[in-house]
Amino acid sequence: MSPRSNTINLSELTRYFAETQSILTQWLGESTKESMNKELHFGAEVMAVGKLLNFYFWHETYHLGQLEMLRRLAGKLEKIYK
């Protein structure tokens, strides 16, 4: 965390992202139909793990779209390839 606020600097955030993606990739590779159908409490709802993962996938793509709009507003119009 930044000492001047409760924000996380970009390098720390990308490191956290890489760590969580590694954990998630390993877990997905070991998951079964039964583990995806396991029900969890999500707020006031009960939801299957697979359905919750689908929600988080949508949620992250929504934020990526927001970031793309901010890039364009900042004048960054080139495509990003990796």
PDB file of N, CA and C in Angstrom:
ATOM      1  N   MET A   1       0.830  -1.178   0.000  1.00  0.00           N
ATOM      2  CA  MET A   1       0.000   0.000   0.000  1.00  0.00           C
ATOM      3  C   MET A   1       0.879   1.249   0.000  1.00  0.00           C
ATOM      4  N   SER A   2       0.398   2.239  -0.661  1.00  0.00           N
ATOM      5  CA  SER A   2       1.094   3.511  -0.712  1.00  0.00           C
ATOM      6  C   SER A   2       1.029   4.180   0.660  1.00  0.00           C
ATOM      7  N   PRO A   3       2.136   4.766   1.136  1.00  0.00           N
ATOM      8  CA  PRO A   3       2.108   5.408   2.456  1.00  0.00           C
ATOM      9  C   PRO A   3       1.210   6.649   2.492  1.00  0.00           C
ATOM     10  N   ARG A   4       0.902   7.221   1.324  1.00  0.00           N
ATOM     11  CA  ARG A   4       0.118   8.459   1.293  1.00  0.00           C
ATOM     12  C   ARG A   4      -1.376   8.213   1.213  1.00  0.00           C
ATOM     13  N   SER A   5      -1.779   6.996   0.969  1.00  0.00           N
ATOM     14  CA  SER A   5      -3.205   6.704   0.851  1.00  0.00           C
ATOM     15  C   SER A   5      -3.431   5.213   1.043  1.00  0.00           C
ATOM     16  N   ASN A   6      -4.646   4.792   0.869  1.00  0.00           N
ATOM     17  CA  ASN A   6      -4.904   3.356   0.950  1.00  0.00           C
ATOM     18  C   ASN A   6      -5.119   2.784  -0.444  1.00  0.00           C
ATOM     19  N   THR A   7      -4.303   3.230  -1.391  1.00  0.00           N
ATOM     20  CA  THR A   7      -4.306   2.670  -2.737  1.00  0.00           C
ATOM     21  C   THR A   7      -3.097   1.757  -2.900  1.00  0.00           C
ATOM     22  N   ILE A   8      -3.157   0.896  -3.891  1.00  0.00           N
ATOM     23  CA  ILE A   8      -2.053  -0.021  -4.175  1.00  0.00           C
ATOM     24  C   ILE A   8      -1.373   0.456  -5.451  1.00  0.00           C
ATOM     25  N   ASN A   9      -0.040   0.513  -5.437  1.00  0.00           N
ATOM     26  CA  ASN A   9       0.650   0.951  -6.650  1.00  0.00           C
ATOM     27  C   ASN A   9       0.543  -0.142  -7.714  1.00  0.00           C
ATOM     28  N   LEU A  10       0.702   0.248  -8.967  1.00  0.00           N
ATOM     29  CA  LEU A  10       0.463  -0.644 -10.096  1.00  0.00           C
ATOM     30  C   LEU A  10       1.358  -1.876 -10.078  1.00  0.00           C
ATOM     31  N   SER A  11       2.625  -1.732  -9.742  1.00  0.00           N
ATOM     32  CA  SER A  11       3.519  -2.901  -9.739  1.00  0.00           C
ATOM     33  C   SER A  11       3.083  -3.923  -8.692  1.00  0.00           C
ATOM     34  N   GLU A  12       2.636  -3.457  -7.543  1.00  0.00           N
ATOM     35  CA  GLU A  12       2.156  -4.373  -6.509  1.00  0.00           C
ATOM     36  C   GLU A  12       0.850  -5.042  -6.954  1.00  0.00           C
ATOM     37  N   LEU A  13      -0.023  -4.269  -7.570  1.00  0.00           N
ATOM     38  CA  LEU A  13      -1.293  -4.805  -8.047  1.00  0.00           C
ATOM     39  C   LEU A  13      -1.072  -5.871  -9.121  1.00  0.00           C
ATOM     40  N   THR A  14      -0.165  -5.629 -10.061  1.00  0.00           N
ATOM     41  CA  THR A  14       0.095  -6.626 -11.105  1.00  0.00           C
ATOM     42  C   THR A  14       0.756  -7.878 -10.524  1.00  0.00           C
ATOM     43  N   ARG A  15       1.566  -7.716  -9.493  1.00  0.00           N
ATOM     44  CA  ARG A  15       2.167  -8.880  -8.832  1.00  0.00           C
ATOM     45  C   ARG A  15       1.079  -9.716  -8.157  1.00  0.00           C
ATOM     46  N   TYR A  16       0.162  -9.072  -7.457  1.00  0.00           N
ATOM     47  CA  TYR A  16      -0.960  -9.790  -6.835  1.00  0.00           C
ATOM     48  C   TYR A  16      -1.791 -10.509  -7.899  1.00  0.00           C
ATOM     49  N   PHE A  17      -2.031  -9.844  -9.005  1.00  0.00           N
ATOM     50  CA  PHE A  17      -2.816 -10.440 -10.079  1.00  0.00           C
ATOM     51  C   PHE A  17      -2.133 -11.703 -10.606  1.00  0.00           C
ATOM     52  N   ALA A  18      -0.834 -11.621 -10.853  1.00  0.00           N
ATOM     53  CA  ALA A  18      -0.093 -12.788 -11.356  1.00  0.00           C
ATOM     54  C   ALA A  18      -0.147 -13.945 -10.360  1.00  0.00           C
ATOM     55  N   GLU A  19      -0.005 -13.646  -9.083  1.00  0.00           N
ATOM     56  CA  GLU A  19      -0.059 -14.691  -8.064  1.00  0.00           C
ATOM     57  C   GLU A  19      -1.430 -15.361  -8.033  1.00  0.00           C
ATOM     58  N   THR A  20      -2.482 -14.572  -8.073  1.00  0.00           N
ATOM     59  CA  THR A  20      -3.823 -15.150  -8.005  1.00  0.00           C
ATOM     60  C   THR A  20      -4.150 -15.923  -9.276  1.00  0.00           C
ATOM     61  N   GLN A  21      -3.665 -15.467 -10.422  1.00  0.00           N
ATOM     62  CA  GLN A  21      -3.916 -16.195 -11.664  1.00  0.00           C
ATOM     63  C   GLN A  21      -3.247 -17.552 -11.650  1.00  0.00           C
ATOM     64  N   SER A  22      -2.068 -17.631 -11.078  1.00  0.00           N
ATOM     65  CA  SER A  22      -1.359 -18.907 -10.967  1.00  0.00           C
ATOM     66  C   SER A  22      -2.140 -19.876 -10.083  1.00  0.00           C
ATOM     67  N   ILE A  23      -2.623 -19.386  -8.950  1.00  0.00           N
ATOM     68  CA  ILE A  23      -3.410 -20.217  -8.032  1.00  0.00           C
ATOM     69  C   ILE A  23      -4.706 -20.662  -8.707  1.00  0.00           C
ATOM     70  N   LEU A  24      -5.385 -19.735  -9.371  1.00  0.00           N
ATOM     71  CA  LEU A  24      -6.655 -20.049 -10.034  1.00  0.00           C
ATOM     72  C   LEU A  24      -6.459 -21.054 -11.169  1.00  0.00           C
ATOM     73  N   THR A  25      -5.406 -20.885 -11.958  1.00  0.00           N
ATOM     74  CA  THR A  25      -5.127 -21.809 -13.062  1.00  0.00           C
ATOM     75  C   THR A  25      -4.887 -23.218 -12.542  1.00  0.00           C
ATOM     76  N   GLN A  26      -4.116 -23.336 -11.470  1.00  0.00           N
ATOM     77  CA  GLN A  26      -3.858 -24.651 -10.885  1.00  0.00           C
ATOM     78  C   GLN A  26      -5.160 -25.257 -10.361  1.00  0.00           C
ATOM     79  N   TRP A  27      -5.959 -24.467  -9.643  1.00  0.00           N
ATOM     80  CA  TRP A  27      -7.209 -24.975  -9.085  1.00  0.00           C
ATOM     81  C   TRP A  27      -8.167 -25.415 -10.190  1.00  0.00           C
ATOM     82  N   LEU A  28      -8.270 -24.623 -11.254  1.00  0.00           N
ATOM     83  CA  LEU A  28      -9.160 -24.988 -12.353  1.00  0.00           C
ATOM     84  C   LEU A  28      -8.720 -26.300 -13.012  1.00  0.00           C
ATOM     85  N   GLY A  29      -7.414 -26.494 -13.136  1.00  0.00           N
ATOM     86  CA  GLY A  29      -6.901 -27.723 -13.723  1.00  0.00           C
ATOM     87  C   GLY A  29      -7.217 -28.953 -12.889  1.00  0.00           C
ATOM     88  N   GLU A  30      -7.382 -28.767 -11.588  1.00  0.00           N
ATOM     89  CA  GLU A  30      -7.664 -29.882 -10.689  1.00  0.00           C
ATOM     90  C   GLU A  30      -9.148 -30.012 -10.355  1.00  0.00           C
ATOM     91  N   SER A  31      -9.967 -29.086 -10.822  1.00  0.00           N
ATOM     92  CA  SER A  31     -11.381 -29.082 -10.445  1.00  0.00           C
ATOM     93  C   SER A  31     -12.150 -30.193 -11.159  1.00  0.00           C
ATOM     94  N   THR A  32     -13.258 -30.543 -10.568  1.00  0.00           N
ATOM     95  CA  THR A  32     -14.140 -31.566 -11.117  1.00  0.00           C
ATOM     96  C   THR A  32     -15.535 -30.984 -11.278  1.00  0.00           C
ATOM     97  N   LYS A  33     -16.393 -31.729 -11.932  1.00  0.00           N
ATOM     98  CA  LYS A  33     -17.777 -31.305 -12.076  1.00  0.00           C
ATOM     99  C   LYS A  33     -18.414 -31.121 -10.697  1.00  0.00           C
ATOM    100  N   GLU A  34     -18.092 -32.020  -9.795  1.00  0.00           N
ATOM    101  CA  GLU A  34     -18.638 -31.934  -8.439  1.00  0.00           C
ATOM    102  C   GLU A  34     -18.164 -30.672  -7.719  1.00  0.00           C
ATOM    103  N   SER A  35     -16.877 -30.324  -7.883  1.00  0.00           N
ATOM    104  CA  SER A  35     -16.371 -29.125  -7.203  1.00  0.00           C
ATOM    105  C   SER A  35     -16.978 -27.855  -7.799  1.00  0.00           C
ATOM    106  N   MET A  36     -17.285 -27.876  -9.088  1.00  0.00           N
ATOM    107  CA  MET A  36     -17.923 -26.709  -9.713  1.00  0.00           C
ATOM    108  C   MET A  36     -19.385 -26.569  -9.300  1.00  0.00           C
ATOM    109  N   ASN A  37     -20.019 -27.675  -8.950  1.00  0.00           N
ATOM    110  CA  ASN A  37     -21.420 -27.639  -8.537  1.00  0.00           C
ATOM    111  C   ASN A  37     -21.597 -27.415  -7.036  1.00  0.00           C
ATOM    112  N   LYS A  38     -20.496 -27.418  -6.291  1.00  0.00           N
ATOM    113  CA  LYS A  38     -20.579 -27.189  -4.846  1.00  0.00           C
ATOM    114  C   LYS A  38     -21.185 -25.812  -4.600  1.00  0.00           C
ATOM    115  N   GLU A  39     -22.103 -25.734  -3.660  1.00  0.00           N
ATOM    116  CA  GLU A  39     -22.773 -24.469  -3.379  1.00  0.00           C
ATOM    117  C   GLU A  39     -22.055 -23.704  -2.281  1.00  0.00           C
ATOM    118  N   LEU A  40     -21.951 -22.393  -2.486  1.00  0.00           N
ATOM    119  CA  LEU A  40     -21.318 -21.480  -1.534  1.00  0.00           C
ATOM    120  C   LEU A  40     -22.290 -20.368  -1.188  1.00  0.00           C
ATOM    121  N   HIS A  41     -22.118 -19.792  -0.016  1.00  0.00           N
ATOM    122  CA  HIS A  41     -22.884 -18.605   0.345  1.00  0.00           C
ATOM    123  C   HIS A  41     -22.166 -17.396  -0.232  1.00  0.00           C
ATOM    124  N   PHE A  42     -22.868 -16.621  -1.007  1.00  0.00           N
ATOM    125  CA  PHE A  42     -22.315 -15.423  -1.654  1.00  0.00           C
ATOM    126  C   PHE A  42     -23.240 -14.279  -1.294  1.00  0.00           C
ATOM    127  N   GLY A  43     -22.893 -13.565  -0.214  1.00  0.00           N
ATOM    128  CA  GLY A  43     -23.798 -12.552   0.298  1.00  0.00           C
ATOM    129  C   GLY A  43     -25.049 -13.239   0.822  1.00  0.00           C
ATOM    130  N   ALA A  44     -26.192 -12.782   0.370  1.00  0.00           N
ATOM    131  CA  ALA A  44     -27.464 -13.378   0.796  1.00  0.00           C
ATOM    132  C   ALA A  44     -27.844 -14.579  -0.071  1.00  0.00           C
ATOM    133  N   GLU A  45     -27.083 -14.827  -1.138  1.00  0.00           N
ATOM    134  CA  GLU A  45     -27.409 -15.896  -2.077  1.00  0.00           C
ATOM    135  C   GLU A  45     -26.588 -17.159  -1.811  1.00  0.00           C
ATOM    136  N   VAL A  46     -27.111 -18.263  -2.294  1.00  0.00           N
ATOM    137  CA  VAL A  46     -26.356 -19.516  -2.356  1.00  0.00           C
ATOM    138  C   VAL A  46     -26.138 -19.781  -3.838  1.00  0.00           C
ATOM    139  N   MET A  47     -24.865 -19.978  -4.215  1.00  0.00           N
ATOM    140  CA  MET A  47     -24.525 -20.084  -5.630  1.00  0.00           C
ATOM    141  C   MET A  47     -23.490 -21.181  -5.837  1.00  0.00           C
ATOM    142  N   ALA A  48     -23.599 -21.892  -6.938  1.00  0.00           N
ATOM    143  CA  ALA A  48     -22.603 -22.917  -7.278  1.00  0.00           C
ATOM    144  C   ALA A  48     -21.268 -22.240  -7.604  1.00  0.00           C
ATOM    145  N   VAL A  49     -20.178 -22.920  -7.285  1.00  0.00           N
ATOM    146  CA  VAL A  49     -18.831 -22.394  -7.542  1.00  0.00           C
ATOM    147  C   VAL A  49     -18.678 -21.994  -9.013  1.00  0.00           C
ATOM    148  N   GLY A  50     -19.105 -22.853  -9.935  1.00  0.00           N
ATOM    149  CA  GLY A  50     -18.990 -22.552 -11.363  1.00  0.00           C
ATOM    150  C   GLY A  50     -19.751 -21.293 -11.751  1.00  0.00           C
ATOM    151  N   LYS A  51     -20.934 -21.110 -11.188  1.00  0.00           N
ATOM    152  CA  LYS A  51     -21.723 -19.908 -11.481  1.00  0.00           C
ATOM    153  C   LYS A  51     -21.043 -18.671 -10.910  1.00  0.00           C
ATOM    154  N   LEU A  52     -20.460 -18.801  -9.731  1.00  0.00           N
ATOM    155  CA  LEU A  52     -19.733 -17.687  -9.121  1.00  0.00           C
ATOM    156  C   LEU A  52     -18.505 -17.327  -9.960  1.00  0.00           C
ATOM    157  N   LEU A  53     -17.777 -18.333 -10.444  1.00  0.00           N
ATOM    158  CA  LEU A  53     -16.627 -18.076 -11.313  1.00  0.00           C
ATOM    159  C   LEU A  53     -17.061 -17.367 -12.596  1.00  0.00           C
ATOM    160  N   ASN A  54     -18.203 -17.757 -13.140  1.00  0.00           N
ATOM    161  CA  ASN A  54     -18.725 -17.104 -14.330  1.00  0.00           C
ATOM    162  C   ASN A  54     -19.033 -15.632 -14.049  1.00  0.00           C
ATOM    163  N   PHE A  55     -19.609 -15.358 -12.873  1.00  0.00           N
ATOM    164  CA  PHE A  55     -19.877 -13.972 -12.497  1.00  0.00           C
ATOM    165  C   PHE A  55     -18.576 -13.172 -12.425  1.00  0.00           C
ATOM    166  N   TYR A  56     -17.560 -13.740 -11.751  1.00  0.00           N
ATOM    167  CA  TYR A  56     -16.285 -13.022 -11.627  1.00  0.00           C
ATOM    168  C   TYR A  56     -15.617 -12.811 -12.990  1.00  0.00           C
ATOM    169  N   PHE A  57     -15.753 -13.772 -13.888  1.00  0.00           N
ATOM    170  CA  PHE A  57     -15.222 -13.606 -15.242  1.00  0.00           C
ATOM    171  C   PHE A  57     -15.885 -12.404 -15.915  1.00  0.00           C
ATOM    172  N   TRP A  58     -17.211 -12.343 -15.854  1.00  0.00           N
ATOM    173  CA  TRP A  58     -17.930 -11.204 -16.428  1.00  0.00           C
ATOM    174  C   TRP A  58     -17.505  -9.902 -15.756  1.00  0.00           C
ATOM    175  N   HIS A  59     -17.396  -9.927 -14.433  1.00  0.00           N
ATOM    176  CA  HIS A  59     -17.044  -8.738 -13.660  1.00  0.00           C
ATOM    177  C   HIS A  59     -15.682  -8.182 -14.097  1.00  0.00           C
ATOM    178  N   GLU A  60     -14.696  -9.049 -14.248  1.00  0.00           N
ATOM    179  CA  GLU A  60     -13.361  -8.607 -14.666  1.00  0.00           C
ATOM    180  C   GLU A  60     -13.371  -8.065 -16.093  1.00  0.00           C
ATOM    181  N   THR A  61     -14.111  -8.700 -17.004  1.00  0.00           N
ATOM    182  CA  THR A  61     -14.154  -8.185 -18.377  1.00  0.00           C
ATOM    183  C   THR A  61     -14.842  -6.829 -18.429  1.00  0.00           C
ATOM    184  N   TYR A  62     -15.809  -6.607 -17.561  1.00  0.00           N
ATOM    185  CA  TYR A  62     -16.465  -5.298 -17.468  1.00  0.00           C
ATOM    186  C   TYR A  62     -15.436  -4.222 -17.117  1.00  0.00           C
ATOM    187  N   HIS A  63     -14.604  -4.504 -16.107  1.00  0.00           N
ATOM    188  CA  HIS A  63     -13.574  -3.538 -15.705  1.00  0.00           C
ATOM    189  C   HIS A  63     -12.513  -3.343 -16.789  1.00  0.00           C
ATOM    190  N   LEU A  64     -12.183  -4.396 -17.525  1.00  0.00           N
ATOM    191  CA  LEU A  64     -11.237  -4.238 -18.634  1.00  0.00           C
ATOM    192  C   LEU A  64     -11.798  -3.286 -19.684  1.00  0.00           C
ATOM    193  N   GLY A  65     -13.084  -3.376 -19.942  1.00  0.00           N
ATOM    194  CA  GLY A  65     -13.716  -2.441 -20.869  1.00  0.00           C
ATOM    195  C   GLY A  65     -13.632  -1.013 -20.359  1.00  0.00           C
ATOM    196  N   GLN A  66     -13.810  -0.832 -19.056  1.00  0.00           N
ATOM    197  CA  GLN A  66     -13.675   0.502 -18.469  1.00  0.00           C
ATOM    198  C   GLN A  66     -12.254   1.033 -18.645  1.00  0.00           C
ATOM    199  N   LEU A  67     -11.276   0.162 -18.421  1.00  0.00           N
ATOM    200  CA  LEU A  67      -9.884   0.588 -18.592  1.00  0.00           C
ATOM    201  C   LEU A  67      -9.587   0.971 -20.037  1.00  0.00           C
ATOM    202  N   GLU A  68     -10.160   0.243 -20.982  1.00  0.00           N
ATOM    203  CA  GLU A  68      -9.957   0.573 -22.391  1.00  0.00           C
ATOM    204  C   GLU A  68     -10.515   1.957 -22.706  1.00  0.00           C
ATOM    205  N   MET A  69     -11.667   2.282 -22.153  1.00  0.00           N
ATOM    206  CA  MET A  69     -12.228   3.623 -22.368  1.00  0.00           C
ATOM    207  C   MET A  69     -11.310   4.693 -21.783  1.00  0.00           C
ATOM    208  N   LEU A  70     -10.750   4.436 -20.604  1.00  0.00           N
ATOM    209  CA  LEU A  70      -9.824   5.392 -19.993  1.00  0.00           C
ATOM    210  C   LEU A  70      -8.561   5.548 -20.836  1.00  0.00           C
ATOM    211  N   ARG A  71      -8.060   4.441 -21.406  1.00  0.00           N
ATOM    212  CA  ARG A  71      -6.893   4.519 -22.283  1.00  0.00           C
ATOM    213  C   ARG A  71      -7.176   5.436 -23.466  1.00  0.00           C
ATOM    214  N   ARG A  72      -8.337   5.263 -24.062  1.00  0.00           N
ATOM    215  CA  ARG A  72      -8.690   6.075 -25.225  1.00  0.00           C
ATOM    216  C   ARG A  72      -8.829   7.539 -24.856  1.00  0.00           C
ATOM    217  N   LEU A  73      -9.440   7.810 -23.698  1.00  0.00           N
ATOM    218  CA  LEU A  73      -9.548   9.193 -23.228  1.00  0.00           C
ATOM    219  C   LEU A  73      -8.175   9.809 -22.980  1.00  0.00           C
ATOM    220  N   ALA A  74      -7.208   8.964 -22.613  1.00  0.00           N
ATOM    221  CA  ALA A  74      -5.842   9.429 -22.381  1.00  0.00           C
ATOM    222  C   ALA A  74      -5.061   9.560 -23.683  1.00  0.00           C
ATOM    223  N   GLY A  75      -5.700   9.257 -24.815  1.00  0.00           N
ATOM    224  CA  GLY A  75      -5.033   9.393 -26.102  1.00  0.00           C
ATOM    225  C   GLY A  75      -4.254   8.175 -26.551  1.00  0.00           C
ATOM    226  N   LYS A  76      -4.385   7.066 -25.837  1.00  0.00           N
ATOM    227  CA  LYS A  76      -3.677   5.829 -26.201  1.00  0.00           C
ATOM    228  C   LYS A  76      -4.583   5.032 -27.147  1.00  0.00           C
ATOM    229  N   LEU A  77      -4.375   5.191 -28.430  1.00  0.00           N
ATOM    230  CA  LEU A  77      -5.266   4.549 -29.404  1.00  0.00           C
ATOM    231  C   LEU A  77      -4.669   3.296 -30.036  1.00  0.00           C
ATOM    232  N   GLU A  78      -3.383   3.029 -29.795  1.00  0.00           N
ATOM    233  CA  GLU A  78      -2.756   1.857 -30.414  1.00  0.00           C
ATOM    234  C   GLU A  78      -3.302   0.579 -29.779  1.00  0.00           C
ATOM    235  N   LYS A  79      -3.253  -0.495 -30.554  1.00  0.00           N
ATOM    236  CA  LYS A  79      -3.703  -1.791 -30.062  1.00  0.00           C
ATOM    237  C   LYS A  79      -2.616  -2.387 -29.168  1.00  0.00           C
ATOM    238  N   ILE A  80      -3.042  -3.183 -28.225  1.00  0.00           N
ATOM    239  CA  ILE A  80      -2.108  -3.852 -27.314  1.00  0.00           C
ATOM    240  C   ILE A  80      -2.078  -5.322 -27.659  1.00  0.00           C
ATOM    241  N   TYR A  81      -0.896  -5.831 -27.968  1.00  0.00           N
ATOM    242  CA  TYR A  81      -0.720  -7.246 -28.269  1.00  0.00           C
ATOM    243  C   TYR A  81       0.318  -7.819 -27.324  1.00  0.00           C
ATOM    244  N   LYS A  82       0.137  -9.049 -26.974  1.00  0.00           N
ATOM    245  CA  LYS A  82       1.142  -9.687 -26.125  1.00  0.00           C
ATOM    246  C   LYS A  82       1.443 -11.058 -26.641  1.00  0.00           C
TER     247      LYS A  82
END
